[in-house]
């Protein structure tokens, strides 16, 4: 099924985006910008929570948590993945 394949691809991409965000955190910490590092750290935690909720199939909770994020952080979630989750929520 194409949807399953794209879902896996999008989850892989999302995981890679979280890792990149973590790299920003590490860089900010290394440069001594602790305030920025803390913000990135919180964003990574939030994105990881969303990732884990998707893995657990708790799609409606994904949207609850996503609405609490800054737009910049929300944009780390692949759009196609968001659309797939919306469709899955409508099927439940």
C-alpha atoms as a PDB file:
ATOM      1  CA  UNK A   1       0.000   0.000   0.000  1.00  0.00           C
ATOM      2  CA  UNK A   2       1.438   3.355  -1.056  1.00  0.00           C
ATOM      3  CA  UNK A   3       0.146   5.126   2.062  1.00  0.00           C
ATOM      4  CA  UNK A   4       2.050   2.747   4.345  1.00  0.00           C
ATOM      5  CA  UNK A   5       5.231   3.322   2.350  1.00  0.00           C
ATOM      6  CA  UNK A   6       4.885   7.106   2.427  1.00  0.00           C
ATOM      7  CA  UNK A   7       3.959   6.984   6.118  1.00  0.00           C
ATOM      8  CA  UNK A   8       7.204   5.144   6.875  1.00  0.00           C
ATOM      9  CA  UNK A   9       9.170   7.588   4.729  1.00  0.00           C
ATOM     10  CA  UNK A  10       7.569  10.551   6.489  1.00  0.00           C
ATOM     11  CA  UNK A  11       8.262   9.067   9.927  1.00  0.00           C
ATOM     12  CA  UNK A  12      11.902   8.563   8.938  1.00  0.00           C
ATOM     13  CA  UNK A  13      12.077  12.147   7.720  1.00  0.00           C
ATOM     14  CA  UNK A  14      10.444  13.357  10.948  1.00  0.00           C
ATOM     15  CA  UNK A  15      13.015  11.419  12.980  1.00  0.00           C
ATOM     16  CA  UNK A  16      15.805  13.027  10.950  1.00  0.00           C
ATOM     17  CA  UNK A  17      14.266  16.479  11.509  1.00  0.00           C
ATOM     18  CA  UNK A  18      14.222  15.861  15.258  1.00  0.00           C
ATOM     19  CA  UNK A  19      17.888  14.847  15.100  1.00  0.00           C
ATOM     20  CA  UNK A  20      18.715  18.073  13.233  1.00  0.00           C
ATOM     21  CA  UNK A  21      16.874  20.077  15.874  1.00  0.00           C
ATOM     22  CA  UNK A  22      18.942  18.268  18.520  1.00  0.00           C
ATOM     23  CA  UNK A  23      22.099  19.247  16.615  1.00  0.00           C
ATOM     24  CA  UNK A  24      20.993  22.898  16.852  1.00  0.00           C
ATOM     25  CA  UNK A  25      20.590  22.386  20.604  1.00  0.00           C
ATOM     26  CA  UNK A  26      24.055  20.883  20.911  1.00  0.00           C
ATOM     27  CA  UNK A  27      25.588  23.700  18.872  1.00  0.00           C
ATOM     28  CA  UNK A  28      23.906  26.405  20.956  1.00  0.00           C
ATOM     29  CA  UNK A  29      25.102  24.726  24.159  1.00  0.00           C
ATOM     30  CA  UNK A  30      28.642  24.426  22.801  1.00  0.00           C
ATOM     31  CA  UNK A  31      28.611  28.116  21.907  1.00  0.00           C
ATOM     32  CA  UNK A  32      27.452  28.983  25.421  1.00  0.00           C
ATOM     33  CA  UNK A  33      23.960  30.154  24.433  1.00  0.00           C
ATOM     34  CA  UNK A  34      22.218  28.292  27.228  1.00  0.00           C
ATOM     35  CA  UNK A  35      18.869  30.030  26.775  1.00  0.00           C
ATOM     36  CA  UNK A  36      18.707  28.971  23.125  1.00  0.00           C
ATOM     37  CA  UNK A  37      19.962  25.488  24.003  1.00  0.00           C
ATOM     38  CA  UNK A  38      17.184  25.108  26.598  1.00  0.00           C
ATOM     39  CA  UNK A  39      14.578  26.167  24.055  1.00  0.00           C
ATOM     40  CA  UNK A  40      15.858  23.703  21.474  1.00  0.00           C
ATOM     41  CA  UNK A  41      15.962  21.018  24.164  1.00  0.00           C
ATOM     42  CA  UNK A  42      12.288  21.624  25.007  1.00  0.00           C
ATOM     43  CA  UNK A  43      11.384  21.621  21.315  1.00  0.00           C
ATOM     44  CA  UNK A  44      13.197  18.292  20.821  1.00  0.00           C
ATOM     45  CA  UNK A  45      11.311  16.844  23.787  1.00  0.00           C
ATOM     46  CA  UNK A  46       7.977  18.039  22.377  1.00  0.00           C
ATOM     47  CA  UNK A  47       8.737  16.725  18.885  1.00  0.00           C
ATOM     48  CA  UNK A  48       9.873  13.391  20.328  1.00  0.00           C
ATOM     49  CA  UNK A  49       6.647  13.167  22.341  1.00  0.00           C
ATOM     50  CA  UNK A  50       4.676  13.749  19.142  1.00  0.00           C
ATOM     51  CA  UNK A  51       6.731  11.148  17.290  1.00  0.00           C
ATOM     52  CA  UNK A  52       6.064   8.592  20.043  1.00  0.00           C
ATOM     53  CA  UNK A  53       2.329   9.370  20.051  1.00  0.00           C
ATOM     54  CA  UNK A  54       2.235   8.720  16.317  1.00  0.00           C
ATOM     55  CA  UNK A  55       4.050   5.405  16.808  1.00  0.00           C
ATOM     56  CA  UNK A  56       1.504   4.514  19.508  1.00  0.00           C
ATOM     57  CA  UNK A  57      -1.401   5.422  17.195  1.00  0.00           C
ATOM     58  CA  UNK A  58      -2.655   8.222  19.457  1.00  0.00           C
ATOM     59  CA  UNK A  59      -3.343  10.562  16.571  1.00  0.00           C
ATOM     60  CA  UNK A  60      -5.837  12.874  18.274  1.00  0.00           C
ATOM     61  CA  UNK A  61      -3.338  13.555  21.050  1.00  0.00           C
ATOM     62  CA  UNK A  62      -0.818  14.484  18.359  1.00  0.00           C
ATOM     63  CA  UNK A  63      -3.025  17.391  17.327  1.00  0.00           C
ATOM     64  CA  UNK A  64      -3.602  18.482  20.930  1.00  0.00           C
ATOM     65  CA  UNK A  65       0.130  18.690  21.556  1.00  0.00           C
ATOM     66  CA  UNK A  66       0.940  20.159  18.145  1.00  0.00           C
ATOM     67  CA  UNK A  67      -1.362  23.138  18.681  1.00  0.00           C
ATOM     68  CA  UNK A  68       0.699  24.097  21.731  1.00  0.00           C
ATOM     69  CA  UNK A  69       3.930  24.378  19.709  1.00  0.00           C
ATOM     70  CA  UNK A  70       5.395  27.454  18.069  1.00  0.00           C
ATOM     71  CA  UNK A  71       4.838  27.527  14.326  1.00  0.00           C
ATOM     72  CA  UNK A  72       8.550  27.102  13.659  1.00  0.00           C
ATOM     73  CA  UNK A  73       8.565  23.900  15.690  1.00  0.00           C
ATOM     74  CA  UNK A  74       5.314  22.675  14.098  1.00  0.00           C
ATOM     75  CA  UNK A  75       6.986  23.070  10.729  1.00  0.00           C
ATOM     76  CA  UNK A  76       9.444  20.311  11.676  1.00  0.00           C
ATOM     77  CA  UNK A  77       6.616  17.791  11.275  1.00  0.00           C
ATOM     78  CA  UNK A  78       6.358  16.780   7.603  1.00  0.00           C
ATOM     79  CA  UNK A  79       3.154  18.188   6.068  1.00  0.00           C
ATOM     80  CA  UNK A  80       2.312  14.954   4.273  1.00  0.00           C
ATOM     81  CA  UNK A  81       2.552  13.133   7.618  1.00  0.00           C
ATOM     82  CA  UNK A  82       0.164  15.648   9.191  1.00  0.00           C
ATOM     83  CA  UNK A  83      -2.311  15.117   6.348  1.00  0.00           C
ATOM     84  CA  UNK A  84      -2.078  11.329   6.756  1.00  0.00           C
ATOM     85  CA  UNK A  85      -2.755  11.620  10.488  1.00  0.00           C
ATOM     86  CA  UNK A  86      -5.739  13.870   9.800  1.00  0.00           C
ATOM     87  CA  UNK A  87      -7.165  11.182   7.509  1.00  0.00           C
ATOM     88  CA  UNK A  88      -6.535   8.499  10.137  1.00  0.00           C
ATOM     89  CA  UNK A  89      -8.324  10.586  12.781  1.00  0.00           C
ATOM     90  CA  UNK A  90     -11.347  10.875  10.515  1.00  0.00           C
ATOM     91  CA  UNK A  91     -11.462   7.078  10.148  1.00  0.00           C
ATOM     92  CA  UNK A  92     -11.564   6.486  13.895  1.00  0.00           C
END
